[in-house]
């Protein structure tokens, strides 16, 4: 099993930046992909960005503003969010997928973009 703990959410003004972190523990050797999803109030959860050894993938809505990265040990994944917009307001969830296609989720961290 893999446990995930997110941190770094909060309140930021439009145009500002935040950096989310997600620390993984447990069976980290089994991790293939890591990523971030978000869920705004009244909406479905959506992909924000993912990262594997093959590269990164971003939702069109965040391309050029958000950057996903992770440490070589695959224990921590980051999401650098710049030029934040009110529509980025959501609960952000960390996700990992193992080589066996099992998905694990963190509990989420709230990002609020408002003046």
C-alpha atoms as a PDB file:
ATOM      1  CA  UNK A   1       0.000   0.000   0.000  1.00  0.00           C
ATOM      2  CA  UNK A   2       0.985   3.616  -0.533  1.00  0.00           C
ATOM      3  CA  UNK A   3       0.085   6.480   1.775  1.00  0.00           C
ATOM      4  CA  UNK A   4      -0.038  10.046   0.454  1.00  0.00           C
ATOM      5  CA  UNK A   5      -0.064  13.308   2.405  1.00  0.00           C
ATOM      6  CA  UNK A   6      -0.551  16.642   0.643  1.00  0.00           C
ATOM      7  CA  UNK A   7       0.507  20.058   1.901  1.00  0.00           C
ATOM      8  CA  UNK A   8       0.859  23.608   0.637  1.00  0.00           C
ATOM      9  CA  UNK A   9      -2.708  24.656  -0.050  1.00  0.00           C
ATOM     10  CA  UNK A  10      -4.165  27.943   1.085  1.00  0.00           C
ATOM     11  CA  UNK A  11      -5.584  31.284   0.057  1.00  0.00           C
ATOM     12  CA  UNK A  12      -3.849  33.254  -2.687  1.00  0.00           C
ATOM     13  CA  UNK A  13      -4.772  36.295  -4.742  1.00  0.00           C
ATOM     14  CA  UNK A  14      -5.342  36.029  -8.495  1.00  0.00           C
ATOM     15  CA  UNK A  15      -2.012  36.084 -10.296  1.00  0.00           C
ATOM     16  CA  UNK A  16      -0.221  34.626  -7.311  1.00  0.00           C
ATOM     17  CA  UNK A  17       1.653  31.362  -6.846  1.00  0.00           C
ATOM     18  CA  UNK A  18       1.493  28.306  -4.625  1.00  0.00           C
ATOM     19  CA  UNK A  19       3.529  25.126  -4.417  1.00  0.00           C
ATOM     20  CA  UNK A  20       1.833  21.896  -3.428  1.00  0.00           C
ATOM     21  CA  UNK A  21       3.764  18.926  -2.093  1.00  0.00           C
ATOM     22  CA  UNK A  22       2.758  15.299  -1.727  1.00  0.00           C
ATOM     23  CA  UNK A  23       4.811  12.909   0.370  1.00  0.00           C
ATOM     24  CA  UNK A  24       4.485   9.215  -0.383  1.00  0.00           C
ATOM     25  CA  UNK A  25       5.279   6.410   2.030  1.00  0.00           C
ATOM     26  CA  UNK A  26       4.799   2.674   2.180  1.00  0.00           C
ATOM     27  CA  UNK A  27       5.375   0.588  -0.943  1.00  0.00           C
ATOM     28  CA  UNK A  28       7.012   3.394  -2.913  1.00  0.00           C
ATOM     29  CA  UNK A  29       8.962   0.881  -4.993  1.00  0.00           C
ATOM     30  CA  UNK A  30       5.654   0.006  -6.681  1.00  0.00           C
ATOM     31  CA  UNK A  31       4.913   3.561  -7.815  1.00  0.00           C
ATOM     32  CA  UNK A  32       4.836   4.207 -11.550  1.00  0.00           C
ATOM     33  CA  UNK A  33       2.939   7.427 -12.120  1.00  0.00           C
ATOM     34  CA  UNK A  34       2.301  10.305  -9.743  1.00  0.00           C
ATOM     35  CA  UNK A  35      -0.057  13.153 -10.337  1.00  0.00           C
ATOM     36  CA  UNK A  36      -2.431  15.828  -9.199  1.00  0.00           C
ATOM     37  CA  UNK A  37      -6.170  16.023  -9.688  1.00  0.00           C
ATOM     38  CA  UNK A  38      -8.613  18.672  -8.512  1.00  0.00           C
ATOM     39  CA  UNK A  39     -12.278  18.931  -7.708  1.00  0.00           C
ATOM     40  CA  UNK A  40     -14.100  22.226  -7.602  1.00  0.00           C
ATOM     41  CA  UNK A  41     -17.350  22.593  -5.704  1.00  0.00           C
ATOM     42  CA  UNK A  42     -20.189  20.999  -7.653  1.00  0.00           C
ATOM     43  CA  UNK A  43     -17.900  19.587 -10.317  1.00  0.00           C
ATOM     44  CA  UNK A  44     -16.290  16.258 -11.072  1.00  0.00           C
ATOM     45  CA  UNK A  45     -12.700  15.504 -10.201  1.00  0.00           C
ATOM     46  CA  UNK A  46     -10.380  16.314 -13.107  1.00  0.00           C
ATOM     47  CA  UNK A  47      -6.789  15.633 -14.022  1.00  0.00           C
ATOM     48  CA  UNK A  48      -4.349  18.492 -13.527  1.00  0.00           C
ATOM     49  CA  UNK A  49      -0.964  16.925 -14.249  1.00  0.00           C
ATOM     50  CA  UNK A  50       0.835  13.600 -14.159  1.00  0.00           C
ATOM     51  CA  UNK A  51       4.463  12.525 -14.249  1.00  0.00           C
ATOM     52  CA  UNK A  52       6.136   9.239 -15.086  1.00  0.00           C
ATOM     53  CA  UNK A  53       9.621   8.238 -16.164  1.00  0.00           C
ATOM     54  CA  UNK A  54       8.451   8.898 -19.723  1.00  0.00           C
ATOM     55  CA  UNK A  55       7.495  12.497 -19.085  1.00  0.00           C
ATOM     56  CA  UNK A  56       4.728  14.826 -17.981  1.00  0.00           C
ATOM     57  CA  UNK A  57       1.141  15.484 -19.005  1.00  0.00           C
ATOM     58  CA  UNK A  58      -0.982  18.542 -18.269  1.00  0.00           C
ATOM     59  CA  UNK A  59      -4.586  19.570 -18.607  1.00  0.00           C
ATOM     60  CA  UNK A  60      -4.987  22.243 -21.269  1.00  0.00           C
ATOM     61  CA  UNK A  61      -6.335  24.660 -18.655  1.00  0.00           C
ATOM     62  CA  UNK A  62      -3.048  24.684 -16.708  1.00  0.00           C
ATOM     63  CA  UNK A  63      -0.438  24.336 -19.465  1.00  0.00           C
ATOM     64  CA  UNK A  64       2.183  27.063 -19.215  1.00  0.00           C
ATOM     65  CA  UNK A  65       1.148  27.971 -15.657  1.00  0.00           C
ATOM     66  CA  UNK A  66       1.620  24.784 -13.621  1.00  0.00           C
ATOM     67  CA  UNK A  67       4.690  22.554 -13.386  1.00  0.00           C
ATOM     68  CA  UNK A  68       4.768  19.052 -11.941  1.00  0.00           C
ATOM     69  CA  UNK A  69       7.991  17.525 -10.672  1.00  0.00           C
ATOM     70  CA  UNK A  70       9.151  14.778  -8.349  1.00  0.00           C
ATOM     71  CA  UNK A  71      12.292  13.684  -6.577  1.00  0.00           C
ATOM     72  CA  UNK A  72      14.299  10.782  -7.974  1.00  0.00           C
ATOM     73  CA  UNK A  73      13.311   8.512  -5.111  1.00  0.00           C
ATOM     74  CA  UNK A  74       9.624   8.976  -6.075  1.00  0.00           C
ATOM     75  CA  UNK A  75       8.818   9.877  -2.496  1.00  0.00           C
ATOM     76  CA  UNK A  76       7.622  13.415  -3.154  1.00  0.00           C
ATOM     77  CA  UNK A  77       5.738  15.031  -6.006  1.00  0.00           C
ATOM     78  CA  UNK A  78       5.321  18.776  -6.355  1.00  0.00           C
ATOM     79  CA  UNK A  79       2.955  21.059  -8.213  1.00  0.00           C
ATOM     80  CA  UNK A  80       4.193  24.593  -8.784  1.00  0.00           C
ATOM     81  CA  UNK A  81       1.208  26.768  -9.625  1.00  0.00           C
ATOM     82  CA  UNK A  82       1.795  30.222 -11.091  1.00  0.00           C
ATOM     83  CA  UNK A  83      -0.540  32.878 -12.476  1.00  0.00           C
ATOM     84  CA  UNK A  84      -3.391  31.428 -10.478  1.00  0.00           C
ATOM     85  CA  UNK A  85      -6.948  32.220 -11.494  1.00  0.00           C
ATOM     86  CA  UNK A  86     -10.191  32.088  -9.496  1.00  0.00           C
ATOM     87  CA  UNK A  87     -11.211  29.080 -11.593  1.00  0.00           C
ATOM     88  CA  UNK A  88      -8.244  27.171 -10.155  1.00  0.00           C
ATOM     89  CA  UNK A  89     -10.036  27.135  -6.801  1.00  0.00           C
ATOM     90  CA  UNK A  90     -10.555  23.500  -5.822  1.00  0.00           C
ATOM     91  CA  UNK A  91      -9.480  20.712  -3.542  1.00  0.00           C
ATOM     92  CA  UNK A  92      -6.284  19.299  -5.011  1.00  0.00           C
ATOM     93  CA  UNK A  93      -5.655  15.579  -4.612  1.00  0.00           C
ATOM     94  CA  UNK A  94      -2.396  13.716  -4.967  1.00  0.00           C
ATOM     95  CA  UNK A  95      -2.577  10.422  -6.853  1.00  0.00           C
ATOM     96  CA  UNK A  96      -0.233   7.568  -7.523  1.00  0.00           C
ATOM     97  CA  UNK A  97      -0.652   4.607  -9.826  1.00  0.00           C
ATOM     98  CA  UNK A  98       1.438   1.517  -9.255  1.00  0.00           C
ATOM     99  CA  UNK A  99       2.917  -0.735 -11.892  1.00  0.00           C
ATOM    100  CA  UNK A 100       0.014  -3.028 -11.084  1.00  0.00           C
ATOM    101  CA  UNK A 101      -2.456  -0.227 -12.020  1.00  0.00           C
ATOM    102  CA  UNK A 102      -3.622   0.281  -8.427  1.00  0.00           C
ATOM    103  CA  UNK A 103      -4.509   3.884  -7.623  1.00  0.00           C
ATOM    104  CA  UNK A 104      -4.001   5.601  -4.279  1.00  0.00           C
ATOM    105  CA  UNK A 105      -5.283   9.019  -3.222  1.00  0.00           C
ATOM    106  CA  UNK A 106      -4.406  11.607  -0.635  1.00  0.00           C
ATOM    107  CA  UNK A 107      -7.055  13.370   1.421  1.00  0.00           C
ATOM    108  CA  UNK A 108      -6.685  16.601  -0.518  1.00  0.00           C
ATOM    109  CA  UNK A 109      -5.612  20.155   0.142  1.00  0.00           C
ATOM    110  CA  UNK A 110      -7.774  23.209  -0.509  1.00  0.00           C
ATOM    111  CA  UNK A 111      -6.558  25.941  -2.849  1.00  0.00           C
ATOM    112  CA  UNK A 112      -8.597  29.137  -2.886  1.00  0.00           C
ATOM    113  CA  UNK A 113      -7.827  31.878  -5.394  1.00  0.00           C
ATOM    114  CA  UNK A 114      -9.623  35.052  -4.426  1.00  0.00           C
ATOM    115  CA  UNK A 115      -9.034  38.727  -3.855  1.00  0.00           C
END
